[in-house]
Amino acid sequence: MVAQTTEPVAIAVLAKAPVAGFAKTRLIPVLGAVRAARLQALLTERAVETARASGVGPVTVWTTPDETHPAFQALRTRGVALARQPDGDLGARMLAALKAADGPALVIGTDCPAMMPAHLRMAAAAMR
């Protein structure tokens, strides 16, 4: 993790639990439900590690349907906070994550494996 030298910028990662039939449903016809869920798990891991490696601030994974899935619980051991996404559309869920940060924050999803820590550092610098 890169050391912070300025005001922290929180990172909220919105993530679905990697449950077969629940995650990556549009990919189920191609991958099958189990492999689609596995892909969700890998994408969540990648997003969280990218957020952590950016070093810009605390990382919270906003989970759905709740934070009890073992994949989410495993993140706690890496210093990642968990919060449950509220009901509502994507905008309402993003707004809840931003409000909870109580300061500058970035909201990311799990569907951009090309995102690098440098992208988040640049976004955080713009926020500051």
Protein backbone atom coordinates (compact mmCIF):
# COMPACT_ATOMS: atom_id res chain seq x y z
CA MET A 1 0.00 0.00 0.00
CA VAL A 2 1.27 3.48 -0.88
CA ALA A 3 1.65 5.87 2.05
CA GLN A 4 -0.85 8.71 2.21
CA THR A 5 0.64 12.18 2.11
CA THR A 6 -2.59 14.21 1.91
CA GLU A 7 -6.22 14.16 3.00
CA PRO A 8 -7.62 10.63 2.74
CA VAL A 9 -10.25 9.89 0.13
CA ALA A 10 -12.49 6.97 1.01
CA ILE A 11 -13.17 4.31 -1.58
CA ALA A 12 -16.54 2.56 -1.64
CA VAL A 13 -16.69 -0.64 -3.68
CA LEU A 14 -20.21 -1.73 -4.62
CA ALA A 15 -20.28 -5.52 -4.88
CA LYS A 16 -22.75 -8.36 -5.26
CA ALA A 17 -22.20 -11.56 -3.33
CA PRO A 18 -20.72 -14.25 -5.57
CA VAL A 19 -23.78 -16.48 -5.39
CA ALA A 20 -24.72 -18.70 -8.32
CA GLY A 21 -27.83 -17.36 -10.00
CA PHE A 22 -27.50 -13.96 -8.29
CA ALA A 23 -24.25 -12.52 -9.64
CA LYS A 24 -23.38 -11.83 -13.28
CA THR A 25 -26.77 -13.08 -14.41
CA ARG A 26 -26.32 -11.82 -17.98
CA LEU A 27 -23.26 -14.06 -18.29
CA ILE A 28 -25.00 -17.20 -17.05
CA PRO A 29 -26.03 -18.32 -20.56
CA VAL A 30 -22.37 -18.32 -21.57
CA LEU A 31 -20.56 -19.26 -18.35
CA GLY A 32 -23.17 -21.07 -16.30
CA ALA A 33 -24.31 -19.88 -12.89
CA VAL A 34 -21.40 -21.29 -10.89
CA ARG A 35 -18.68 -19.88 -13.16
CA ALA A 36 -20.48 -16.53 -13.33
CA ALA A 37 -20.45 -16.41 -9.52
CA ARG A 38 -16.76 -17.32 -9.50
CA LEU A 39 -16.10 -14.47 -11.94
CA GLN A 40 -17.91 -12.11 -9.57
CA ALA A 41 -15.68 -13.27 -6.72
CA LEU A 42 -12.54 -12.67 -8.78
CA LEU A 43 -13.71 -9.25 -9.95
CA THR A 44 -14.53 -8.23 -6.37
CA GLU A 45 -11.09 -9.37 -5.20
CA ARG A 46 -9.45 -7.40 -8.00
CA ALA A 47 -11.42 -4.21 -7.25
CA VAL A 48 -10.65 -4.40 -3.53
CA GLU A 49 -6.95 -5.05 -4.07
CA THR A 50 -6.77 -2.17 -6.55
CA ALA A 51 -8.50 0.13 -4.06
CA ARG A 52 -6.20 -0.93 -1.23
CA ALA A 53 -3.08 -0.63 -3.38
CA SER A 54 -3.99 2.94 -4.32
CA GLY A 55 -3.33 4.02 -0.74
CA VAL A 56 -5.70 6.98 -0.99
CA GLY A 57 -7.89 6.16 2.00
CA PRO A 58 -10.06 3.61 3.76
CA VAL A 59 -11.85 0.99 1.67
CA THR A 60 -15.40 -0.13 2.37
CA VAL A 61 -17.11 -2.88 0.41
CA TRP A 62 -20.82 -2.14 0.11
CA THR A 63 -22.39 -5.57 -0.14
CA THR A 64 -25.61 -6.96 -1.47
CA PRO A 65 -27.70 -8.75 -0.42
CA ASP A 66 -25.79 -8.58 2.89
CA GLU A 67 -22.28 -8.92 4.25
CA THR A 68 -22.53 -12.50 5.54
CA HIS A 69 -21.10 -14.25 2.46
CA PRO A 70 -17.71 -15.85 3.28
CA ALA A 71 -16.04 -13.98 0.40
CA PHE A 72 -17.02 -10.70 2.03
CA GLN A 73 -16.09 -11.84 5.52
CA ALA A 74 -12.60 -12.77 4.28
CA LEU A 75 -12.05 -9.13 3.29
CA ARG A 76 -12.26 -8.02 6.92
CA THR A 77 -8.94 -9.71 7.62
CA ARG A 78 -7.33 -7.28 5.16
CA GLY A 79 -8.54 -4.15 6.86
CA VAL A 80 -11.55 -3.65 4.62
CA ALA A 81 -14.79 -2.46 6.19
CA LEU A 82 -18.13 -3.92 5.14
CA ALA A 83 -21.47 -2.18 4.84
CA ARG A 84 -24.77 -3.38 3.45
CA GLN A 85 -26.09 -1.62 0.36
CA PRO A 86 -29.46 -0.05 1.07
CA ASP A 87 -32.52 -0.75 -1.01
CA GLY A 88 -33.07 1.42 -4.03
CA ASP A 89 -31.65 2.04 -7.46
CA LEU A 90 -27.96 2.35 -8.22
CA GLY A 91 -28.01 6.11 -7.68
CA ALA A 92 -29.52 5.76 -4.22
CA ARG A 93 -26.99 3.10 -3.27
CA MET A 94 -24.08 5.23 -4.52
CA LEU A 95 -25.40 8.25 -2.63
CA ALA A 96 -25.61 6.22 0.59
CA ALA A 97 -21.97 5.17 0.21
CA LEU A 98 -20.89 8.76 -0.42
CA LYS A 99 -22.82 10.09 2.56
CA ALA A 100 -21.38 7.42 4.84
CA ALA A 101 -17.83 8.47 3.95
CA ASP A 102 -18.32 11.86 5.65
CA GLY A 103 -15.69 13.44 3.42
CA PRO A 104 -14.22 13.02 -0.04
CA ALA A 105 -15.00 9.61 -1.51
CA LEU A 106 -14.84 7.60 -4.70
CA VAL A 107 -17.41 4.95 -5.60
CA ILE A 108 -16.37 2.10 -7.84
CA GLY A 109 -17.93 -1.14 -9.00
CA THR A 110 -16.30 -4.47 -9.66
CA ASP A 111 -16.71 -4.58 -13.44
CA CYS A 112 -13.56 -2.76 -14.51
CA PRO A 113 -10.58 -5.09 -14.05
CA ALA A 114 -8.45 -2.70 -16.13
CA MET A 115 -8.65 -0.08 -13.37
CA MET A 116 -5.28 0.43 -11.77
CA PRO A 117 -4.25 2.04 -8.46
CA ALA A 118 -2.89 5.02 -10.40
CA HIS A 119 -6.38 5.72 -11.76
CA LEU A 120 -7.73 5.93 -8.22
CA ARG A 121 -4.83 8.11 -7.10
CA MET A 122 -5.55 10.53 -9.97
CA ALA A 123 -9.26 10.57 -9.13
CA ALA A 124 -8.49 11.17 -5.45
CA ALA A 125 -6.15 14.04 -6.34
CA ALA A 126 -8.95 15.60 -8.40
CA MET A 127 -11.35 15.18 -5.46
CA ARG A 128 -8.95 16.94 -3.12
